[in-house]
Structure formats: C-alpha cells, structure tokens
Amino acid sequence: MEALQSWISKHKLTSIGTLWASAIGASLAYNSRSAKRSPLKPSLRLIHARMHAQALTLAVLSGAAVYHYYAQRNDEETDMSMEHE
C-alpha cells in the first residue's frame, strides 16, 4: 500500500489522467450496455462519459486536498510537540 501511495505522490498528473481515462472508458462501456433501454446518440454518450469522469476526478482531487491538509496539519502539530519537549 505504501508503494502505491509513494508512486501516486510522485506521479500525480499521471494518476489523475489515468483515473480520468478509466472513468471515461467505464462510463462509455456502461452507456453502451444500457443503449437498449435508453437510446442516445454517440455524441451524447461521450458528453455523459466526460461529465462522469470530471465528477470523479473532482471528487478524487478534493479527497487528495483534504488528505494533504490533514497530513500537513498533523506534521505541524508533531513538530510543535517536539519543540515543547
């Protein structure tokens, strides 16, 4: 798990791009399977896939920002407690 976290922290843009491309592919696959229930034009399927991928990317970026904030805050508190000892 630590190796994955280390790789992601070193390759942030690659990780986000891979996640975005995976989300587009998954959304397109889902929409093509459900095409019999709700027939959409291919252009609309692509637009919906892009919107789903963007929403997922924003959620991941928000989670990363929150994680970074709390990790930085925890590091500062650790440094302050070491100064007081």
PDB file of N, CA and C in Angstrom:
ATOM      1  N   MET A   1       0.824  -1.193   0.000  1.00  0.00           N
ATOM      2  CA  MET A   1       0.000   0.000   0.000  1.00  0.00           C
ATOM      3  C   MET A   1       0.870   1.261   0.000  1.00  0.00           C
ATOM      4  N   GLU A   2       1.960   1.216   0.777  1.00  0.00           N
ATOM      5  CA  GLU A   2       2.847   2.378   0.834  1.00  0.00           C
ATOM      6  C   GLU A   2       3.542   2.616  -0.497  1.00  0.00           C
ATOM      7  N   ALA A   3       3.846   1.530  -1.213  1.00  0.00           N
ATOM      8  CA  ALA A   3       4.484   1.677  -2.524  1.00  0.00           C
ATOM      9  C   ALA A   3       3.541   2.375  -3.498  1.00  0.00           C
ATOM     10  N   LEU A   4       2.264   2.021  -3.441  1.00  0.00           N
ATOM     11  CA  LEU A   4       1.269   2.664  -4.303  1.00  0.00           C
ATOM     12  C   LEU A   4       1.122   4.142  -3.949  1.00  0.00           C
ATOM     13  N   GLN A   5       1.062   4.459  -2.663  1.00  0.00           N
ATOM     14  CA  GLN A   5       0.959   5.853  -2.230  1.00  0.00           C
ATOM     15  C   GLN A   5       2.185   6.645  -2.651  1.00  0.00           C
ATOM     16  N   SER A   6       3.347   6.036  -2.552  1.00  0.00           N
ATOM     17  CA  SER A   6       4.581   6.709  -2.953  1.00  0.00           C
ATOM     18  C   SER A   6       4.574   6.988  -4.451  1.00  0.00           C
ATOM     19  N   TRP A   7       4.149   5.992  -5.244  1.00  0.00           N
ATOM     20  CA  TRP A   7       4.111   6.179  -6.701  1.00  0.00           C
ATOM     21  C   TRP A   7       3.116   7.275  -7.071  1.00  0.00           C
ATOM     22  N   ILE A   8       1.953   7.259  -6.446  1.00  0.00           N
ATOM     23  CA  ILE A   8       0.931   8.267  -6.740  1.00  0.00           C
ATOM     24  C   ILE A   8       1.427   9.660  -6.354  1.00  0.00           C
ATOM     25  N   SER A   9       2.109   9.776  -5.224  1.00  0.00           N
ATOM     26  CA  SER A   9       2.590  11.103  -4.819  1.00  0.00           C
ATOM     27  C   SER A   9       3.674  11.614  -5.762  1.00  0.00           C
ATOM     28  N   LYS A  10       4.433  10.727  -6.364  1.00  0.00           N
ATOM     29  CA  LYS A  10       5.467  11.138  -7.315  1.00  0.00           C
ATOM     30  C   LYS A  10       4.907  11.419  -8.712  1.00  0.00           C
ATOM     31  N   HIS A  11       3.816  10.759  -9.073  1.00  0.00           N
ATOM     32  CA  HIS A  11       3.239  10.868 -10.416  1.00  0.00           C
ATOM     33  C   HIS A  11       1.782  11.333 -10.321  1.00  0.00           C
ATOM     34  N   LYS A  12       1.569  12.495  -9.751  1.00  0.00           N
ATOM     35  CA  LYS A  12       0.213  12.979  -9.501  1.00  0.00           C
ATOM     36  C   LYS A  12      -0.588  13.166 -10.795  1.00  0.00           C
ATOM     37  N   LEU A  13      -0.015  13.842 -11.766  1.00  0.00           N
ATOM     38  CA  LEU A  13      -0.754  14.110 -13.002  1.00  0.00           C
ATOM     39  C   LEU A  13      -1.034  12.833 -13.778  1.00  0.00           C
ATOM     40  N   THR A  14      -0.089  11.914 -13.795  1.00  0.00           N
ATOM     41  CA  THR A  14      -0.307  10.632 -14.466  1.00  0.00           C
ATOM     42  C   THR A  14      -1.438   9.869 -13.785  1.00  0.00           C
ATOM     43  N   SER A  15      -1.452   9.898 -12.458  1.00  0.00           N
ATOM     44  CA  SER A  15      -2.504   9.211 -11.706  1.00  0.00           C
ATOM     45  C   SER A  15      -3.874   9.793 -12.014  1.00  0.00           C
ATOM     46  N   ILE A  16      -3.954  11.108 -12.027  1.00  0.00           N
ATOM     47  CA  ILE A  16      -5.241  11.764 -12.298  1.00  0.00           C
ATOM     48  C   ILE A  16      -5.672  11.504 -13.740  1.00  0.00           C
ATOM     49  N   GLY A  17      -4.739  11.574 -14.678  1.00  0.00           N
ATOM     50  CA  GLY A  17      -5.059  11.301 -16.078  1.00  0.00           C
ATOM     51  C   GLY A  17      -5.519   9.871 -16.290  1.00  0.00           C
ATOM     52  N   THR A  18      -4.866   8.932 -15.630  1.00  0.00           N
ATOM     53  CA  THR A  18      -5.263   7.530 -15.734  1.00  0.00           C
ATOM     54  C   THR A  18      -6.647   7.323 -15.148  1.00  0.00           C
ATOM     55  N   LEU A  19      -6.904   7.925 -14.017  1.00  0.00           N
ATOM     56  CA  LEU A  19      -8.225   7.826 -13.393  1.00  0.00           C
ATOM     57  C   LEU A  19      -9.293   8.403 -14.312  1.00  0.00           C
ATOM     58  N   TRP A  20      -8.990   9.561 -14.911  1.00  0.00           N
ATOM     59  CA  TRP A  20      -9.950  10.223 -15.802  1.00  0.00           C
ATOM     60  C   TRP A  20     -10.236   9.342 -17.017  1.00  0.00           C
ATOM     61  N   ALA A  21      -9.188   8.806 -17.639  1.00  0.00           N
ATOM     62  CA  ALA A  21      -9.369   7.953 -18.817  1.00  0.00           C
ATOM     63  C   ALA A  21     -10.125   6.676 -18.462  1.00  0.00           C
ATOM     64  N   SER A  22      -9.841   6.118 -17.296  1.00  0.00           N
ATOM     65  CA  SER A  22     -10.559   4.915 -16.852  1.00  0.00           C
ATOM     66  C   SER A  22     -12.038   5.208 -16.621  1.00  0.00           C
ATOM     67  N   ALA A  23     -12.309   6.351 -16.035  1.00  0.00           N
ATOM     68  CA  ALA A  23     -13.707   6.729 -15.793  1.00  0.00           C
ATOM     69  C   ALA A  23     -14.451   6.944 -17.107  1.00  0.00           C
ATOM     70  N   ILE A  24     -13.789   7.551 -18.083  1.00  0.00           N
ATOM     71  CA  ILE A  24     -14.429   7.735 -19.401  1.00  0.00           C
ATOM     72  C   ILE A  24     -14.735   6.378 -20.013  1.00  0.00           C
ATOM     73  N   GLY A  25     -13.757   5.479 -19.983  1.00  0.00           N
ATOM     74  CA  GLY A  25     -13.961   4.143 -20.544  1.00  0.00           C
ATOM     75  C   GLY A  25     -15.072   3.387 -19.847  1.00  0.00           C
ATOM     76  N   ALA A  26     -15.096   3.445 -18.521  1.00  0.00           N
ATOM     77  CA  ALA A  26     -16.138   2.743 -17.765  1.00  0.00           C
ATOM     78  C   ALA A  26     -17.513   3.330 -18.056  1.00  0.00           C
ATOM     79  N   SER A  27     -17.597   4.651 -18.132  1.00  0.00           N
ATOM     80  CA  SER A  27     -18.887   5.285 -18.409  1.00  0.00           C
ATOM     81  C   SER A  27     -19.363   4.964 -19.826  1.00  0.00           C
ATOM     82  N   LEU A  28     -18.443   4.990 -20.783  1.00  0.00           N
ATOM     83  CA  LEU A  28     -18.820   4.628 -22.164  1.00  0.00           C
ATOM     84  C   LEU A  28     -19.273   3.176 -22.241  1.00  0.00           C
ATOM     85  N   ALA A  29     -18.574   2.298 -21.541  1.00  0.00           N
ATOM     86  CA  ALA A  29     -18.969   0.883 -21.540  1.00  0.00           C
ATOM     87  C   ALA A  29     -20.346   0.706 -20.913  1.00  0.00           C
ATOM     88  N   TYR A  30     -20.582   1.393 -19.808  1.00  0.00           N
ATOM     89  CA  TYR A  30     -21.889   1.303 -19.152  1.00  0.00           C
ATOM     90  C   TYR A  30     -22.991   1.845 -20.054  1.00  0.00           C
ATOM     91  N   ASN A  31     -22.736   2.992 -20.669  1.00  0.00           N
ATOM     92  CA  ASN A  31     -23.756   3.588 -21.536  1.00  0.00           C
ATOM     93  C   ASN A  31     -24.005   2.760 -22.783  1.00  0.00           C
ATOM     94  N   SER A  32     -22.996   2.077 -23.293  1.00  0.00           N
ATOM     95  CA  SER A  32     -23.217   1.255 -24.481  1.00  0.00           C
ATOM     96  C   SER A  32     -24.015   0.004 -24.124  1.00  0.00           C
ATOM     97  N   ARG A  33     -23.842  -0.506 -22.904  1.00  0.00           N
ATOM     98  CA  ARG A  33     -24.631  -1.663 -22.466  1.00  0.00           C
ATOM     99  C   ARG A  33     -26.087  -1.283 -22.235  1.00  0.00           C
ATOM    100  N   SER A  34     -26.307  -0.073 -21.770  1.00  0.00           N
ATOM    101  CA  SER A  34     -27.678   0.349 -21.475  1.00  0.00           C
ATOM    102  C   SER A  34     -28.314   1.070 -22.659  1.00  0.00           C
ATOM    103  N   ALA A  35     -27.694   0.977 -23.831  1.00  0.00           N
ATOM    104  CA  ALA A  35     -28.220   1.672 -25.012  1.00  0.00           C
ATOM    105  C   ALA A  35     -29.576   1.111 -25.431  1.00  0.00           C
ATOM    106  N   LYS A  36     -29.843  -0.135 -25.118  1.00  0.00           N
ATOM    107  CA  LYS A  36     -31.130  -0.732 -25.490  1.00  0.00           C
ATOM    108  C   LYS A  36     -32.274  -0.126 -24.688  1.00  0.00           C
ATOM    109  N   ARG A  37     -31.991   0.248 -23.444  1.00  0.00           N
ATOM    110  CA  ARG A  37     -33.030   0.832 -22.591  1.00  0.00           C
ATOM    111  C   ARG A  37     -33.265   2.304 -22.921  1.00  0.00           C
ATOM    112  N   SER A  38     -32.198   3.034 -23.148  1.00  0.00           N
ATOM    113  CA  SER A  38     -32.336   4.461 -23.453  1.00  0.00           C
ATOM    114  C   SER A  38     -31.393   4.802 -24.618  1.00  0.00           C
ATOM    115  N   PRO A  39     -31.927   4.785 -25.808  1.00  0.00           N
ATOM    116  CA  PRO A  39     -31.066   5.037 -26.970  1.00  0.00           C
ATOM    117  C   PRO A  39     -30.601   6.501 -27.004  1.00  0.00           C
ATOM    118  N   LEU A  40     -29.292   6.684 -26.929  1.00  0.00           N
ATOM    119  CA  LEU A  40     -28.684   8.009 -27.007  1.00  0.00           C
ATOM    120  C   LEU A  40     -27.748   8.041 -28.208  1.00  0.00           C
ATOM    121  N   LYS A  41     -27.596   9.234 -28.747  1.00  0.00           N
ATOM    122  CA  LYS A  41     -26.629   9.397 -29.823  1.00  0.00           C
ATOM    123  C   LYS A  41     -25.229   9.195 -29.255  1.00  0.00           C
ATOM    124  N   PRO A  42     -24.292   8.748 -30.081  1.00  0.00           N
ATOM    125  CA  PRO A  42     -22.918   8.571 -29.597  1.00  0.00           C
ATOM    126  C   PRO A  42     -22.310   9.864 -29.040  1.00  0.00           C
ATOM    127  N   SER A  43     -22.677  10.999 -29.613  1.00  0.00           N
ATOM    128  CA  SER A  43     -22.132  12.261 -29.094  1.00  0.00           C
ATOM    129  C   SER A  43     -22.637  12.532 -27.676  1.00  0.00           C
ATOM    130  N   LEU A  44     -23.887  12.205 -27.406  1.00  0.00           N
ATOM    131  CA  LEU A  44     -24.422  12.386 -26.048  1.00  0.00           C
ATOM    132  C   LEU A  44     -23.788  11.407 -25.066  1.00  0.00           C
ATOM    133  N   ARG A  45     -23.520  10.177 -25.537  1.00  0.00           N
ATOM    134  CA  ARG A  45     -22.846   9.207 -24.675  1.00  0.00           C
ATOM    135  C   ARG A  45     -21.458   9.714 -24.290  1.00  0.00           C
ATOM    136  N   LEU A  46     -20.758  10.293 -25.248  1.00  0.00           N
ATOM    137  CA  LEU A  46     -19.426  10.819 -24.976  1.00  0.00           C
ATOM    138  C   LEU A  46     -19.485  11.999 -24.003  1.00  0.00           C
ATOM    139  N   ILE A  47     -20.467  12.865 -24.176  1.00  0.00           N
ATOM    140  CA  ILE A  47     -20.631  14.003 -23.261  1.00  0.00           C
ATOM    141  C   ILE A  47     -20.925  13.511 -21.843  1.00  0.00           C
ATOM    142  N   HIS A  48     -21.807  12.529 -21.720  1.00  0.00           N
ATOM    143  CA  HIS A  48     -22.131  11.988 -20.402  1.00  0.00           C
ATOM    144  C   HIS A  48     -20.918  11.309 -19.780  1.00  0.00           C
ATOM    145  N   ALA A  49     -20.163  10.583 -20.594  1.00  0.00           N
ATOM    146  CA  ALA A  49     -18.964   9.915 -20.079  1.00  0.00           C
ATOM    147  C   ALA A  49     -17.964  10.953 -19.577  1.00  0.00           C
ATOM    148  N   ARG A  50     -17.792  12.032 -20.324  1.00  0.00           N
ATOM    149  CA  ARG A  50     -16.856  13.076 -19.900  1.00  0.00           C
ATOM    150  C   ARG A  50     -17.316  13.729 -18.595  1.00  0.00           C
ATOM    151  N   MET A  51     -18.615  13.976 -18.474  1.00  0.00           N
ATOM    152  CA  MET A  51     -19.139  14.581 -17.245  1.00  0.00           C
ATOM    153  C   MET A  51     -18.923  13.659 -16.048  1.00  0.00           C
ATOM    154  N   HIS A  52     -19.161  12.352 -16.230  1.00  0.00           N
ATOM    155  CA  HIS A  52     -18.939  11.405 -15.134  1.00  0.00           C
ATOM    156  C   HIS A  52     -17.466  11.381 -14.746  1.00  0.00           C
ATOM    157  N   ALA A  53     -16.591  11.379 -15.746  1.00  0.00           N
ATOM    158  CA  ALA A  53     -15.156  11.351 -15.469  1.00  0.00           C
ATOM    159  C   ALA A  53     -14.708  12.626 -14.749  1.00  0.00           C
ATOM    160  N   GLN A  54     -15.248  13.756 -15.148  1.00  0.00           N
ATOM    161  CA  GLN A  54     -14.892  15.013 -14.487  1.00  0.00           C
ATOM    162  C   GLN A  54     -15.375  15.030 -13.044  1.00  0.00           C
ATOM    163  N   ALA A  55     -16.563  14.525 -12.808  1.00  0.00           N
ATOM    164  CA  ALA A  55     -17.086  14.481 -11.438  1.00  0.00           C
ATOM    165  C   ALA A  55     -16.219  13.582 -10.566  1.00  0.00           C
ATOM    166  N   LEU A  56     -15.829  12.424 -11.098  1.00  0.00           N
ATOM    167  CA  LEU A  56     -14.971  11.520 -10.345  1.00  0.00           C
ATOM    168  C   LEU A  56     -13.606  12.156 -10.088  1.00  0.00           C
ATOM    169  N   THR A  57     -13.056  12.821 -11.082  1.00  0.00           N
ATOM    170  CA  THR A  57     -11.763  13.477 -10.922  1.00  0.00           C
ATOM    171  C   THR A  57     -11.835  14.575  -9.874  1.00  0.00           C
ATOM    172  N   LEU A  58     -12.890  15.367  -9.895  1.00  0.00           N
ATOM    173  CA  LEU A  58     -13.049  16.411  -8.874  1.00  0.00           C
ATOM    174  C   LEU A  58     -13.174  15.816  -7.478  1.00  0.00           C
ATOM    175  N   ALA A  59     -13.885  14.699  -7.375  1.00  0.00           N
ATOM    176  CA  ALA A  59     -14.017  14.044  -6.069  1.00  0.00           C
ATOM    177  C   ALA A  59     -12.657  13.552  -5.575  1.00  0.00           C
ATOM    178  N   VAL A  60     -11.870  12.966  -6.474  1.00  0.00           N
ATOM    179  CA  VAL A  60     -10.549  12.474  -6.078  1.00  0.00           C
ATOM    180  C   VAL A  60      -9.631  13.637  -5.713  1.00  0.00           C
ATOM    181  N   LEU A  61      -9.666  14.708  -6.502  1.00  0.00           N
ATOM    182  CA  LEU A  61      -8.839  15.875  -6.188  1.00  0.00           C
ATOM    183  C   LEU A  61      -9.233  16.493  -4.849  1.00  0.00           C
ATOM    184  N   SER A  62     -10.525  16.549  -4.581  1.00  0.00           N
ATOM    185  CA  SER A  62     -10.991  17.081  -3.296  1.00  0.00           C
ATOM    186  C   SER A  62     -10.506  16.200  -2.142  1.00  0.00           C
ATOM    187  N   GLY A  63     -10.610  14.897  -2.331  1.00  0.00           N
ATOM    188  CA  GLY A  63     -10.121  13.975  -1.308  1.00  0.00           C
ATOM    189  C   GLY A  63      -8.622  14.114  -1.097  1.00  0.00           C
ATOM    190  N   ALA A  64      -7.873  14.289  -2.181  1.00  0.00           N
ATOM    191  CA  ALA A  64      -6.423  14.467  -2.069  1.00  0.00           C
ATOM    192  C   ALA A  64      -6.091  15.768  -1.348  1.00  0.00           C
ATOM    193  N   ALA A  65      -6.858  16.817  -1.621  1.00  0.00           N
ATOM    194  CA  ALA A  65      -6.624  18.094  -0.943  1.00  0.00           C
ATOM    195  C   ALA A  65      -6.892  17.975   0.550  1.00  0.00           C
ATOM    196  N   VAL A  66      -7.964  17.298   0.913  1.00  0.00           N
ATOM    197  CA  VAL A  66      -8.292  17.102   2.330  1.00  0.00           C
ATOM    198  C   VAL A  66      -7.208  16.265   3.002  1.00  0.00           C
ATOM    199  N   TYR A  67      -6.771  15.203   2.337  1.00  0.00           N
ATOM    200  CA  TYR A  67      -5.707  14.351   2.886  1.00  0.00           C
ATOM    201  C   TYR A  67      -4.429  15.158   3.076  1.00  0.00           C
ATOM    202  N   HIS A  68      -4.069  15.958   2.084  1.00  0.00           N
ATOM    203  CA  HIS A  68      -2.859  16.777   2.161  1.00  0.00           C
ATOM    204  C   HIS A  68      -2.960  17.784   3.311  1.00  0.00           C
ATOM    205  N   TYR A  69      -4.126  18.397   3.462  1.00  0.00           N
ATOM    206  CA  TYR A  69      -4.333  19.374   4.535  1.00  0.00           C
ATOM    207  C   TYR A  69      -4.137  18.721   5.897  1.00  0.00           C
ATOM    208  N   TYR A  70      -4.787  17.571   6.122  1.00  0.00           N
ATOM    209  CA  TYR A  70      -4.684  16.925   7.427  1.00  0.00           C
ATOM    210  C   TYR A  70      -3.300  16.343   7.662  1.00  0.00           C
ATOM    211  N   ALA A  71      -2.632  15.846   6.626  1.00  0.00           N
ATOM    212  CA  ALA A  71      -1.269  15.335   6.788  1.00  0.00           C
ATOM    213  C   ALA A  71      -0.320  16.475   7.146  1.00  0.00           C
ATOM    214  N   GLN A  72      -0.468  17.614   6.487  1.00  0.00           N
ATOM    215  CA  GLN A  72       0.377  18.766   6.783  1.00  0.00           C
ATOM    216  C   GLN A  72       0.101  19.292   8.188  1.00  0.00           C
ATOM    217  N   ARG A  73      -1.158  19.329   8.554  1.00  0.00           N
ATOM    218  CA  ARG A  73      -1.537  19.803   9.893  1.00  0.00           C
ATOM    219  C   ARG A  73      -0.982  18.871  10.971  1.00  0.00           C
ATOM    220  N   ASN A  74      -1.050  17.579  10.711  1.00  0.00           N
ATOM    221  CA  ASN A  74      -0.528  16.599  11.661  1.00  0.00           C
ATOM    222  C   ASN A  74       0.984  16.734  11.789  1.00  0.00           C
ATOM    223  N   ASP A  75       1.672  16.978  10.682  1.00  0.00           N
ATOM    224  CA  ASP A  75       3.120  17.174  10.727  1.00  0.00           C
ATOM    225  C   ASP A  75       3.487  18.416  11.536  1.00  0.00           C
ATOM    226  N   GLU A  76       2.718  19.494  11.361  1.00  0.00           N
ATOM    227  CA  GLU A  76       2.985  20.721  12.118  1.00  0.00           C
ATOM    228  C   GLU A  76       2.764  20.510  13.609  1.00  0.00           C
ATOM    229  N   GLU A  77       1.699  19.772  13.958  1.00  0.00           N
ATOM    230  CA  GLU A  77       1.436  19.502  15.371  1.00  0.00           C
ATOM    231  C   GLU A  77       2.538  18.638  15.971  1.00  0.00           C
ATOM    232  N   THR A  78       3.051  17.689  15.204  1.00  0.00           N
ATOM    233  CA  THR A  78       4.140  16.838  15.672  1.00  0.00           C
ATOM    234  C   THR A  78       5.393  17.666  15.895  1.00  0.00           C
ATOM    235  N   ASP A  79       5.673  18.579  14.963  1.00  0.00           N
ATOM    236  CA  ASP A  79       6.842  19.445  15.116  1.00  0.00           C
ATOM    237  C   ASP A  79       6.716  20.346  16.341  1.00  0.00           C
ATOM    238  N   MET A  80       5.515  20.892  16.565  1.00  0.00           N
ATOM    239  CA  MET A  80       5.299  21.757  17.723  1.00  0.00           C
ATOM    240  C   MET A  80       5.447  20.992  19.023  1.00  0.00           C
ATOM    241  N   SER A  81       4.963  19.773  19.085  1.00  0.00           N
ATOM    242  CA  SER A  81       5.065  18.988  20.314  1.00  0.00           C
ATOM    243  C   SER A  81       6.522  18.609  20.591  1.00  0.00           C
ATOM    244  N   MET A  82       7.314  18.420  19.548  1.00  0.00           N
ATOM    245  CA  MET A  82       8.728  18.109  19.739  1.00  0.00           C
ATOM    246  C   MET A  82       9.489  19.325  20.239  1.00  0.00           C
ATOM    247  N   GLU A  83       9.065  20.523  19.841  1.00  0.00           N
ATOM    248  CA  GLU A  83       9.721  21.746  20.294  1.00  0.00           C
ATOM    249  C   GLU A  83       9.472  21.990  21.786  1.00  0.00           C
ATOM    250  N   HIS A  84       8.309  21.596  22.272  1.00  0.00           N
ATOM    251  CA  HIS A  84       7.932  21.831  23.672  1.00  0.00           C
ATOM    252  C   HIS A  84       8.582  20.827  24.629  1.00  0.00           C
ATOM    253  N   GLU A  85       9.104  19.749  24.108  1.00  0.00           N
ATOM    254  CA  GLU A  85       9.678  18.722  24.996  1.00  0.00           C
ATOM    255  C   GLU A  85      11.038  19.077  25.465  1.00  0.00           C
TER     256      GLU A  85
END
